[in-house]
Amino acid sequence: MIKKLSSSDNNLTNDFVDNSERVLKDTVKILQTCMATITVAKTDTENKQKQISTEQTTTKETPKNDNQLIQQKELIIEDLNNKYQQLTQLVEQKNKKHEEELA
């Protein structure tokens, strides 16, 4: 929580430094949370891709034609792009909220 700046000149500097340290620590926490979220999303996506790849090699159905494979890859890419955009928006929202709290 940010402290109210005191009216005396001596404490003003100390309060400002304390507030700055708190803001930096909060920013680090936010960025760590964002990075952890991105890492989990990336891992999930990689696991899904591996699972899809495994399912394709283990199925005894007739192989898919090239158009179906291309469509499937495009869907995966589109899904990844959507997740990336969602995470980017989340980071931007948190940064905006954090900047508003500082103002």
PDB file of N, CA and C in Angstrom:
ATOM      1  N   MET A   1       0.849  -1.175   0.000  1.00  0.00           N
ATOM      2  CA  MET A   1       0.000   0.000   0.000  1.00  0.00           C
ATOM      3  C   MET A   1       0.892   1.235   0.000  1.00  0.00           C
ATOM      4  N   ILE A   2       0.547   2.209  -0.768  1.00  0.00           N
ATOM      5  CA  ILE A   2       1.347   3.427  -0.881  1.00  0.00           C
ATOM      6  C   ILE A   2       1.043   4.336   0.301  1.00  0.00           C
ATOM      7  N   LYS A   3       2.119   4.875   0.878  1.00  0.00           N
ATOM      8  CA  LYS A   3       1.965   5.757   2.028  1.00  0.00           C
ATOM      9  C   LYS A   3       1.740   7.194   1.561  1.00  0.00           C
ATOM     10  N   LYS A   4       0.977   7.921   2.346  1.00  0.00           N
ATOM     11  CA  LYS A   4       0.762   9.338   2.069  1.00  0.00           C
ATOM     12  C   LYS A   4       2.070  10.078   2.336  1.00  0.00           C
ATOM     13  N   LEU A   5       2.424  10.976   1.439  1.00  0.00           N
ATOM     14  CA  LEU A   5       3.659  11.728   1.619  1.00  0.00           C
ATOM     15  C   LEU A   5       3.495  12.703   2.773  1.00  0.00           C
ATOM     16  N   SER A   6       4.507  12.736   3.615  1.00  0.00           N
ATOM     17  CA  SER A   6       4.424  13.606   4.784  1.00  0.00           C
ATOM     18  C   SER A   6       4.686  15.056   4.376  1.00  0.00           C
ATOM     19  N   SER A   7       4.338  15.939   5.279  1.00  0.00           N
ATOM     20  CA  SER A   7       4.466  17.368   4.978  1.00  0.00           C
ATOM     21  C   SER A   7       5.874  17.891   5.250  1.00  0.00           C
ATOM     22  N   SER A   8       6.657  17.193   6.052  1.00  0.00           N
ATOM     23  CA  SER A   8       8.006  17.678   6.338  1.00  0.00           C
ATOM     24  C   SER A   8       8.962  17.255   5.226  1.00  0.00           C
ATOM     25  N   ASP A   9       9.947  18.083   4.972  1.00  0.00           N
ATOM     26  CA  ASP A   9      10.905  17.816   3.890  1.00  0.00           C
ATOM     27  C   ASP A   9      11.740  16.575   4.169  1.00  0.00           C
ATOM     28  N   ASN A  10      12.059  16.311   5.426  1.00  0.00           N
ATOM     29  CA  ASN A  10      12.892  15.154   5.762  1.00  0.00           C
ATOM     30  C   ASN A  10      12.176  13.847   5.446  1.00  0.00           C
ATOM     31  N   ASN A  11      10.932  13.744   5.847  1.00  0.00           N
ATOM     32  CA  ASN A  11      10.180  12.510   5.637  1.00  0.00           C
ATOM     33  C   ASN A  11       9.664  12.383   4.204  1.00  0.00           C
ATOM     34  N   LEU A  12       9.548  13.492   3.504  1.00  0.00           N
ATOM     35  CA  LEU A  12       9.048  13.476   2.130  1.00  0.00           C
ATOM     36  C   LEU A  12       9.935  12.588   1.251  1.00  0.00           C
ATOM     37  N   THR A  13      11.227  12.761   1.376  1.00  0.00           N
ATOM     38  CA  THR A  13      12.161  11.957   0.579  1.00  0.00           C
ATOM     39  C   THR A  13      12.071  10.492   0.964  1.00  0.00           C
ATOM     40  N   ASN A  14      12.036  10.216   2.250  1.00  0.00           N
ATOM     41  CA  ASN A  14      11.944   8.827   2.711  1.00  0.00           C
ATOM     42  C   ASN A  14      10.646   8.181   2.262  1.00  0.00           C
ATOM     43  N   ASP A  15       9.548   8.907   2.380  1.00  0.00           N
ATOM     44  CA  ASP A  15       8.254   8.363   1.946  1.00  0.00           C
ATOM     45  C   ASP A  15       8.248   8.107   0.446  1.00  0.00           C
ATOM     46  N   PHE A  16       8.846   9.005  -0.309  1.00  0.00           N
ATOM     47  CA  PHE A  16       8.896   8.827  -1.760  1.00  0.00           C
ATOM     48  C   PHE A  16       9.719   7.591  -2.122  1.00  0.00           C
ATOM     49  N   VAL A  17      10.838   7.427  -1.459  1.00  0.00           N
ATOM     50  CA  VAL A  17      11.693   6.262  -1.732  1.00  0.00           C
ATOM     51  C   VAL A  17      10.956   4.982  -1.347  1.00  0.00           C
ATOM     52  N   ASP A  18      10.298   4.983  -0.195  1.00  0.00           N
ATOM     53  CA  ASP A  18       9.535   3.809   0.228  1.00  0.00           C
ATOM     54  C   ASP A  18       8.444   3.476  -0.792  1.00  0.00           C
ATOM     55  N   ASN A  19       7.716   4.492  -1.231  1.00  0.00           N
ATOM     56  CA  ASN A  19       6.656   4.277  -2.222  1.00  0.00           C
ATOM     57  C   ASN A  19       7.228   3.748  -3.537  1.00  0.00           C
ATOM     58  N   SER A  20       8.359   4.295  -3.944  1.00  0.00           N
ATOM     59  CA  SER A  20       8.993   3.844  -5.191  1.00  0.00           C
ATOM     60  C   SER A  20       9.404   2.378  -5.084  1.00  0.00           C
ATOM     61  N   GLU A  21       9.947   2.005  -3.948  1.00  0.00           N
ATOM     62  CA  GLU A  21      10.342   0.600  -3.745  1.00  0.00           C
ATOM     63  C   GLU A  21       9.124  -0.310  -3.791  1.00  0.00           C
ATOM     64  N   ARG A  22       8.037   0.112  -3.181  1.00  0.00           N
ATOM     65  CA  ARG A  22       6.811  -0.695  -3.202  1.00  0.00           C
ATOM     66  C   ARG A  22       6.291  -0.854  -4.630  1.00  0.00           C
ATOM     67  N   VAL A  23       6.309   0.235  -5.384  1.00  0.00           N
ATOM     68  CA  VAL A  23       5.830   0.192  -6.767  1.00  0.00           C
ATOM     69  C   VAL A  23       6.692  -0.771  -7.585  1.00  0.00           C
ATOM     70  N   LEU A  24       7.991  -0.700  -7.416  1.00  0.00           N
ATOM     71  CA  LEU A  24       8.879  -1.593  -8.159  1.00  0.00           C
ATOM     72  C   LEU A  24       8.639  -3.052  -7.782  1.00  0.00           C
ATOM     73  N   LYS A  25       8.461  -3.320  -6.503  1.00  0.00           N
ATOM     74  CA  LYS A  25       8.191  -4.696  -6.066  1.00  0.00           C
ATOM     75  C   LYS A  25       6.875  -5.198  -6.643  1.00  0.00           C
ATOM     76  N   ASP A  26       5.849  -4.342  -6.642  1.00  0.00           N
ATOM     77  CA  ASP A  26       4.551  -4.731  -7.206  1.00  0.00           C
ATOM     78  C   ASP A  26       4.659  -4.977  -8.715  1.00  0.00           C
ATOM     79  N   THR A  27       5.427  -4.132  -9.383  1.00  0.00           N
ATOM     80  CA  THR A  27       5.612  -4.307 -10.827  1.00  0.00           C
ATOM     81  C   THR A  27       6.300  -5.635 -11.115  1.00  0.00           C
ATOM     82  N   VAL A  28       7.302  -5.960 -10.332  1.00  0.00           N
ATOM     83  CA  VAL A  28       8.001  -7.239 -10.509  1.00  0.00           C
ATOM     84  C   VAL A  28       7.031  -8.401 -10.295  1.00  0.00           C
ATOM     85  N   LYS A  29       6.202  -8.315  -9.274  1.00  0.00           N
ATOM     86  CA  LYS A  29       5.229  -9.382  -9.015  1.00  0.00           C
ATOM     87  C   LYS A  29       4.263  -9.542 -10.181  1.00  0.00           C
ATOM     88  N   ILE A  30       3.786  -8.421 -10.713  1.00  0.00           N
ATOM     89  CA  ILE A  30       2.857  -8.467 -11.848  1.00  0.00           C
ATOM     90  C   ILE A  30       3.528  -9.110 -13.056  1.00  0.00           C
ATOM     91  N   LEU A  31       4.751  -8.691 -13.346  1.00  0.00           N
ATOM     92  CA  LEU A  31       5.454  -9.239 -14.499  1.00  0.00           C
ATOM     93  C   LEU A  31       5.754 -10.728 -14.301  1.00  0.00           C
ATOM     94  N   GLN A  32       6.092 -11.134 -13.083  1.00  0.00           N
ATOM     95  CA  GLN A  32       6.327 -12.550 -12.818  1.00  0.00           C
ATOM     96  C   GLN A  32       5.055 -13.359 -13.019  1.00  0.00           C
ATOM     97  N   THR A  33       3.940 -12.808 -12.584  1.00  0.00           N
ATOM     98  CA  THR A  33       2.655 -13.489 -12.778  1.00  0.00           C
ATOM     99  C   THR A  33       2.334 -13.622 -14.264  1.00  0.00           C
ATOM    100  N   CYS A  34       2.564 -12.564 -15.013  1.00  0.00           N
ATOM    101  CA  CYS A  34       2.319 -12.603 -16.459  1.00  0.00           C
ATOM    102  C   CYS A  34       3.215 -13.629 -17.135  1.00  0.00           C
ATOM    103  N   MET A  35       4.477 -13.647 -16.773  1.00  0.00           N
ATOM    104  CA  MET A  35       5.399 -14.613 -17.374  1.00  0.00           C
ATOM    105  C   MET A  35       5.001 -16.045 -17.014  1.00  0.00           C
ATOM    106  N   ALA A  36       4.572 -16.264 -15.781  1.00  0.00           N
ATOM    107  CA  ALA A  36       4.135 -17.599 -15.381  1.00  0.00           C
ATOM    108  C   ALA A  36       2.902 -18.013 -16.184  1.00  0.00           C
ATOM    109  N   THR A  37       1.979 -17.087 -16.384  1.00  0.00           N
ATOM    110  CA  THR A  37       0.778 -17.378 -17.167  1.00  0.00           C
ATOM    111  C   THR A  37       1.134 -17.718 -18.606  1.00  0.00           C
ATOM    112  N   ILE A  38       2.034 -16.952 -19.187  1.00  0.00           N
ATOM    113  CA  ILE A  38       2.464 -17.206 -20.561  1.00  0.00           C
ATOM    114  C   ILE A  38       3.157 -18.563 -20.657  1.00  0.00           C
ATOM    115  N   THR A  39       3.994 -18.874 -19.688  1.00  0.00           N
ATOM    116  CA  THR A  39       4.703 -20.154 -19.684  1.00  0.00           C
ATOM    117  C   THR A  39       3.731 -21.318 -19.592  1.00  0.00           C
ATOM    118  N   VAL A  40       2.741 -21.204 -18.722  1.00  0.00           N
ATOM    119  CA  VAL A  40       1.741 -22.270 -18.586  1.00  0.00           C
ATOM    120  C   VAL A  40       0.956 -22.429 -19.881  1.00  0.00           C
ATOM    121  N   ALA A  41       0.564 -21.319 -20.480  1.00  0.00           N
ATOM    122  CA  ALA A  41      -0.185 -21.385 -21.739  1.00  0.00           C
ATOM    123  C   ALA A  41       0.653 -22.023 -22.836  1.00  0.00           C
ATOM    124  N   LYS A  42       1.914 -21.677 -22.883  1.00  0.00           N
ATOM    125  CA  LYS A  42       2.811 -22.251 -23.889  1.00  0.00           C
ATOM    126  C   LYS A  42       2.975 -23.749 -23.660  1.00  0.00           C
ATOM    127  N   THR A  43       3.170 -24.142 -22.430  1.00  0.00           N
ATOM    128  CA  THR A  43       3.318 -25.562 -22.103  1.00  0.00           C
ATOM    129  C   THR A  43       2.055 -26.333 -22.455  1.00  0.00           C
ATOM    130  N   ASP A  44       0.907 -25.774 -22.121  1.00  0.00           N
ATOM    131  CA  ASP A  44      -0.367 -26.427 -22.458  1.00  0.00           C
ATOM    132  C   ASP A  44      -0.500 -26.613 -23.970  1.00  0.00           C
ATOM    133  N   THR A  45      -0.150 -25.577 -24.698  1.00  0.00           N
ATOM    134  CA  THR A  45      -0.258 -25.641 -26.150  1.00  0.00           C
ATOM    135  C   THR A  45       0.695 -26.694 -26.711  1.00  0.00           C
ATOM    136  N   GLU A  46       1.916 -26.724 -26.199  1.00  0.00           N
ATOM    137  CA  GLU A  46       2.877 -27.728 -26.662  1.00  0.00           C
ATOM    138  C   GLU A  46       2.388 -29.134 -26.345  1.00  0.00           C
ATOM    139  N   ASN A  47       1.824 -29.321 -25.153  1.00  0.00           N
ATOM    140  CA  ASN A  47       1.296 -30.638 -24.785  1.00  0.00           C
ATOM    141  C   ASN A  47       0.144 -31.045 -25.700  1.00  0.00           C
ATOM    142  N   LYS A  48      -0.727 -30.098 -26.021  1.00  0.00           N
ATOM    143  CA  LYS A  48      -1.835 -30.395 -26.934  1.00  0.00           C
ATOM    144  C   LYS A  48      -1.311 -30.769 -28.313  1.00  0.00           C
ATOM    145  N   GLN A  49      -0.293 -30.059 -28.776  1.00  0.00           N
ATOM    146  CA  GLN A  49       0.280 -30.369 -30.080  1.00  0.00           C
ATOM    147  C   GLN A  49       0.905 -31.768 -30.082  1.00  0.00           C
ATOM    148  N   LYS A  50       1.597 -32.101 -29.000  1.00  0.00           N
ATOM    149  CA  LYS A  50       2.188 -33.439 -28.899  1.00  0.00           C
ATOM    150  C   LYS A  50       1.095 -34.503 -28.880  1.00  0.00           C
ATOM    151  N   GLN A  51       0.032 -34.214 -28.155  1.00  0.00           N
ATOM    152  CA  GLN A  51      -1.073 -35.167 -28.076  1.00  0.00           C
ATOM    153  C   GLN A  51      -1.710 -35.359 -29.453  1.00  0.00           C
ATOM    154  N   ILE A  52      -1.921 -34.272 -30.160  1.00  0.00           N
ATOM    155  CA  ILE A  52      -2.501 -34.357 -31.502  1.00  0.00           C
ATOM    156  C   ILE A  52      -1.574 -35.150 -32.416  1.00  0.00           C
ATOM    157  N   SER A  53      -0.287 -34.869 -32.311  1.00  0.00           N
ATOM    158  CA  SER A  53       0.690 -35.573 -33.139  1.00  0.00           C
ATOM    159  C   SER A  53       0.690 -37.068 -32.822  1.00  0.00           C
ATOM    160  N   THR A  54       0.621 -37.400 -31.539  1.00  0.00           N
ATOM    161  CA  THR A  54       0.594 -38.803 -31.120  1.00  0.00           C
ATOM    162  C   THR A  54      -0.670 -39.488 -31.610  1.00  0.00           C
ATOM    163  N   GLU A  55      -1.796 -38.793 -31.495  1.00  0.00           N
ATOM    164  CA  GLU A  55      -3.063 -39.364 -31.948  1.00  0.00           C
ATOM    165  C   GLU A  55      -3.033 -39.611 -33.456  1.00  0.00           C
ATOM    166  N   GLN A  56      -2.422 -38.719 -34.180  1.00  0.00           N
ATOM    167  CA  GLN A  56      -2.353 -38.885 -35.635  1.00  0.00           C
ATOM    168  C   GLN A  56      -1.521 -40.095 -36.013  1.00  0.00           C
ATOM    169  N   THR A  57      -0.439 -40.332 -35.287  1.00  0.00           N
ATOM    170  CA  THR A  57       0.428 -41.451 -35.634  1.00  0.00           C
ATOM    171  C   THR A  57      -0.119 -42.783 -35.141  1.00  0.00           C
ATOM    172  N   THR A  58      -0.952 -42.757 -34.098  1.00  0.00           N
ATOM    173  CA  THR A  58      -1.458 -44.014 -33.553  1.00  0.00           C
ATOM    174  C   THR A  58      -2.788 -44.448 -34.154  1.00  0.00           C
ATOM    175  N   THR A  59      -3.479 -43.541 -34.807  1.00  0.00           N
ATOM    176  CA  THR A  59      -4.765 -43.930 -35.390  1.00  0.00           C
ATOM    177  C   THR A  59      -4.535 -44.804 -36.600  1.00  0.00           C
ATOM    178  N   LYS A  60      -5.448 -45.737 -36.818  1.00  0.00           N
ATOM    179  CA  LYS A  60      -5.326 -46.648 -37.938  1.00  0.00           C
ATOM    180  C   LYS A  60      -6.259 -46.260 -39.071  1.00  0.00           C
ATOM    181  N   GLU A  61      -6.808 -45.056 -38.983  1.00  0.00           N
ATOM    182  CA  GLU A  61      -7.677 -44.561 -40.032  1.00  0.00           C
ATOM    183  C   GLU A  61      -6.840 -44.198 -41.247  1.00  0.00           C
ATOM    184  N   THR A  62      -7.520 -43.952 -42.330  1.00  0.00           N
ATOM    185  CA  THR A  62      -6.799 -43.525 -43.520  1.00  0.00           C
ATOM    186  C   THR A  62      -6.148 -42.186 -43.250  1.00  0.00           C
ATOM    187  N   PRO A  63      -4.967 -41.967 -43.758  1.00  0.00           N
ATOM    188  CA  PRO A  63      -4.284 -40.699 -43.490  1.00  0.00           C
ATOM    189  C   PRO A  63      -5.075 -39.518 -44.052  1.00  0.00           C
ATOM    190  N   LYS A  64      -4.964 -38.396 -43.361  1.00  0.00           N
ATOM    191  CA  LYS A  64      -5.655 -37.193 -43.803  1.00  0.00           C
ATOM    192  C   LYS A  64      -4.962 -36.643 -45.036  1.00  0.00           C
ATOM    193  N   ASN A  65      -5.747 -36.024 -45.874  1.00  0.00           N
ATOM    194  CA  ASN A  65      -5.121 -35.417 -47.045  1.00  0.00           C
ATOM    195  C   ASN A  65      -4.434 -34.110 -46.657  1.00  0.00           C
ATOM    196  N   ASP A  66      -3.663 -33.574 -47.575  1.00  0.00           N
ATOM    197  CA  ASP A  66      -2.864 -32.380 -47.300  1.00  0.00           C
ATOM    198  C   ASP A  66      -3.723 -31.190 -46.884  1.00  0.00           C
ATOM    199  N   ASN A  67      -4.878 -31.026 -47.506  1.00  0.00           N
ATOM    200  CA  ASN A  67      -5.746 -29.895 -47.169  1.00  0.00           C
ATOM    201  C   ASN A  67      -6.216 -29.961 -45.727  1.00  0.00           C
ATOM    202  N   GLN A  68      -6.544 -31.163 -45.264  1.00  0.00           N
ATOM    203  CA  GLN A  68      -6.997 -31.303 -43.874  1.00  0.00           C
ATOM    204  C   GLN A  68      -5.859 -31.009 -42.904  1.00  0.00           C
ATOM    205  N   LEU A  69      -4.656 -31.443 -43.230  1.00  0.00           N
ATOM    206  CA  LEU A  69      -3.511 -31.156 -42.367  1.00  0.00           C
ATOM    207  C   LEU A  69      -3.231 -29.658 -42.322  1.00  0.00           C
ATOM    208  N   ILE A  70      -3.316 -29.014 -43.462  1.00  0.00           N
ATOM    209  CA  ILE A  70      -3.077 -27.569 -43.516  1.00  0.00           C
ATOM    210  C   ILE A  70      -4.138 -26.836 -42.702  1.00  0.00           C
ATOM    211  N   GLN A  71      -5.392 -27.244 -42.833  1.00  0.00           N
ATOM    212  CA  GLN A  71      -6.466 -26.609 -42.067  1.00  0.00           C
ATOM    213  C   GLN A  71      -6.253 -26.814 -40.570  1.00  0.00           C
ATOM    214  N   GLN A  72      -5.838 -28.005 -40.193  1.00  0.00           N
ATOM    215  CA  GLN A  72      -5.606 -28.281 -38.769  1.00  0.00           C
ATOM    216  C   GLN A  72      -4.464 -27.409 -38.234  1.00  0.00           C
ATOM    217  N   LYS A  73      -3.402 -27.291 -38.990  1.00  0.00           N
ATOM    218  CA  LYS A  73      -2.276 -26.448 -38.571  1.00  0.00           C
ATOM    219  C   LYS A  73      -2.698 -24.988 -38.485  1.00  0.00           C
ATOM    220  N   GLU A  74      -3.500 -24.542 -39.431  1.00  0.00           N
ATOM    221  CA  GLU A  74      -3.979 -23.160 -39.401  1.00  0.00           C
ATOM    222  C   GLU A  74      -4.848 -22.902 -38.176  1.00  0.00           C
ATOM    223  N   LEU A  75      -5.668 -23.894 -37.807  1.00  0.00           N
ATOM    224  CA  LEU A  75      -6.494 -23.750 -36.602  1.00  0.00           C
ATOM    225  C   LEU A  75      -5.619 -23.663 -35.349  1.00  0.00           C
ATOM    226  N   ILE A  76      -4.583 -24.465 -35.305  1.00  0.00           N
ATOM    227  CA  ILE A  76      -3.670 -24.427 -34.151  1.00  0.00           C
ATOM    228  C   ILE A  76      -2.978 -23.071 -34.077  1.00  0.00           C
ATOM    229  N   ILE A  77      -2.525 -22.584 -35.217  1.00  0.00           N
ATOM    230  CA  ILE A  77      -1.858 -21.276 -35.252  1.00  0.00           C
ATOM    231  C   ILE A  77      -2.825 -20.178 -34.834  1.00  0.00           C
ATOM    232  N   GLU A  78      -4.041 -20.247 -35.322  1.00  0.00           N
ATOM    233  CA  GLU A  78      -5.057 -19.248 -34.957  1.00  0.00           C
ATOM    234  C   GLU A  78      -5.343 -19.293 -33.453  1.00  0.00           C
ATOM    235  N   ASP A  79      -5.432 -20.494 -32.907  1.00  0.00           N
ATOM    236  CA  ASP A  79      -5.664 -20.656 -31.468  1.00  0.00           C
ATOM    237  C   ASP A  79      -4.509 -20.053 -30.666  1.00  0.00           C
ATOM    238  N   LEU A  80      -3.296 -20.315 -31.096  1.00  0.00           N
ATOM    239  CA  LEU A  80      -2.129 -19.749 -30.413  1.00  0.00           C
ATOM    240  C   LEU A  80      -2.120 -18.222 -30.504  1.00  0.00           C
ATOM    241  N   ASN A  81      -2.448 -17.702 -31.662  1.00  0.00           N
ATOM    242  CA  ASN A  81      -2.508 -16.240 -31.818  1.00  0.00           C
ATOM    243  C   ASN A  81      -3.571 -15.626 -30.907  1.00  0.00           C
ATOM    244  N   ASN A  82      -4.722 -16.280 -30.803  1.00  0.00           N
ATOM    245  CA  ASN A  82      -5.780 -15.787 -29.922  1.00  0.00           C
ATOM    246  C   ASN A  82      -5.322 -15.791 -28.472  1.00  0.00           C
ATOM    247  N   LYS A  83      -4.680 -16.867 -28.052  1.00  0.00           N
ATOM    248  CA  LYS A  83      -4.183 -16.937 -26.671  1.00  0.00           C
ATOM    249  C   LYS A  83      -3.124 -15.883 -26.419  1.00  0.00           C
ATOM    250  N   TYR A  84      -2.253 -15.671 -27.397  1.00  0.00           N
ATOM    251  CA  TYR A  84      -1.231 -14.637 -27.261  1.00  0.00           C
ATOM    252  C   TYR A  84      -1.867 -13.258 -27.116  1.00  0.00           C
ATOM    253  N   GLN A  85      -2.877 -12.974 -27.934  1.00  0.00           N
ATOM    254  CA  GLN A  85      -3.557 -11.680 -27.854  1.00  0.00           C
ATOM    255  C   GLN A  85      -4.251 -11.509 -26.505  1.00  0.00           C
ATOM    256  N   GLN A  86      -4.865 -12.589 -25.998  1.00  0.00           N
ATOM    257  CA  GLN A  86      -5.522 -12.513 -24.696  1.00  0.00           C
ATOM    258  C   GLN A  86      -4.506 -12.214 -23.605  1.00  0.00           C
ATOM    259  N   LEU A  87      -3.367 -12.882 -23.644  1.00  0.00           N
ATOM    260  CA  LEU A  87      -2.333 -12.638 -22.640  1.00  0.00           C
ATOM    261  C   LEU A  87      -1.765 -11.225 -22.767  1.00  0.00           C
ATOM    262  N   THR A  88      -1.603 -10.758 -23.982  1.00  0.00           N
ATOM    263  CA  THR A  88      -1.109  -9.395 -24.192  1.00  0.00           C
ATOM    264  C   THR A  88      -2.098  -8.379 -23.626  1.00  0.00           C
ATOM    265  N   GLN A  89      -3.383  -8.595 -23.868  1.00  0.00           N
ATOM    266  CA  GLN A  89      -4.397  -7.698 -23.333  1.00  0.00           C
ATOM    267  C   GLN A  89      -4.392  -7.729 -21.806  1.00  0.00           C
ATOM    268  N   LEU A  90      -4.212  -8.905 -21.239  1.00  0.00           N
ATOM    269  CA  LEU A  90      -4.169  -9.038 -19.786  1.00  0.00           C
ATOM    270  C   LEU A  90      -3.003  -8.244 -19.214  1.00  0.00           C
ATOM    271  N   VAL A  91      -1.844  -8.362 -19.839  1.00  0.00           N
ATOM    272  CA  VAL A  91      -0.671  -7.617 -19.374  1.00  0.00           C
ATOM    273  C   VAL A  91      -0.919  -6.122 -19.502  1.00  0.00           C
ATOM    274  N   GLU A  92      -1.492  -5.688 -20.620  1.00  0.00           N
ATOM    275  CA  GLU A  92      -1.768  -4.264 -20.819  1.00  0.00           C
ATOM    276  C   GLU A  92      -2.764  -3.742 -19.793  1.00  0.00           C
ATOM    277  N   GLN A  93      -3.786  -4.546 -19.489  1.00  0.00           N
ATOM    278  CA  GLN A  93      -4.773  -4.132 -18.498  1.00  0.00           C
ATOM    279  C   GLN A  93      -4.129  -3.995 -17.120  1.00  0.00           C
ATOM    280  N   LYS A  94      -3.282  -4.960 -16.773  1.00  0.00           N
ATOM    281  CA  LYS A  94      -2.623  -4.885 -15.465  1.00  0.00           C
ATOM    282  C   LYS A  94      -1.683  -3.694 -15.395  1.00  0.00           C
ATOM    283  N   ASN A  95      -0.961  -3.438 -16.482  1.00  0.00           N
ATOM    284  CA  ASN A  95      -0.073  -2.276 -16.502  1.00  0.00           C
ATOM    285  C   ASN A  95      -0.865  -0.980 -16.392  1.00  0.00           C
ATOM    286  N   LYS A  96      -1.992  -0.894 -17.118  1.00  0.00           N
ATOM    287  CA  LYS A  96      -2.831   0.302 -17.064  1.00  0.00           C
ATOM    288  C   LYS A  96      -3.383   0.501 -15.653  1.00  0.00           C
ATOM    289  N   LYS A  97      -3.865  -0.585 -15.051  1.00  0.00           N
ATOM    290  CA  LYS A  97      -4.386  -0.508 -13.691  1.00  0.00           C
ATOM    291  C   LYS A  97      -3.299  -0.049 -12.727  1.00  0.00           C
ATOM    292  N   HIS A  98      -2.110  -0.609 -12.924  1.00  0.00           N
ATOM    293  CA  HIS A  98      -1.002  -0.242 -12.052  1.00  0.00           C
ATOM    294  C   HIS A  98      -0.638   1.235 -12.218  1.00  0.00           C
ATOM    295  N   GLU A  99      -0.620   1.719 -13.462  1.00  0.00           N
ATOM    296  CA  GLU A  99      -0.326   3.131 -13.701  1.00  0.00           C
ATOM    297  C   GLU A  99      -1.394   4.041 -13.112  1.00  0.00           C
ATOM    298  N   GLU A 100      -2.652   3.611 -13.178  1.00  0.00           N
ATOM    299  CA  GLU A 100      -3.739   4.393 -12.586  1.00  0.00           C
ATOM    300  C   GLU A 100      -3.586   4.470 -11.077  1.00  0.00           C
ATOM    301  N   GLU A 101      -3.152   3.365 -10.479  1.00  0.00           N
ATOM    302  CA  GLU A 101      -2.961   3.356  -9.031  1.00  0.00           C
ATOM    303  C   GLU A 101      -1.827   4.304  -8.630  1.00  0.00           C
ATOM    304  N   LEU A 102      -0.852   4.436  -9.504  1.00  0.00           N
ATOM    305  CA  LEU A 102       0.275   5.321  -9.206  1.00  0.00           C
ATOM    306  C   LEU A 102      -0.116   6.787  -9.331  1.00  0.00           C
ATOM    307  N   ALA A 103      -1.072   7.074 -10.222  1.00  0.00           N
ATOM    308  CA  ALA A 103      -1.458   8.477 -10.463  1.00  0.00           C
ATOM    309  C   ALA A 103      -2.239   9.039  -9.316  1.00  0.00           C
TER     310      ALA A 103
END
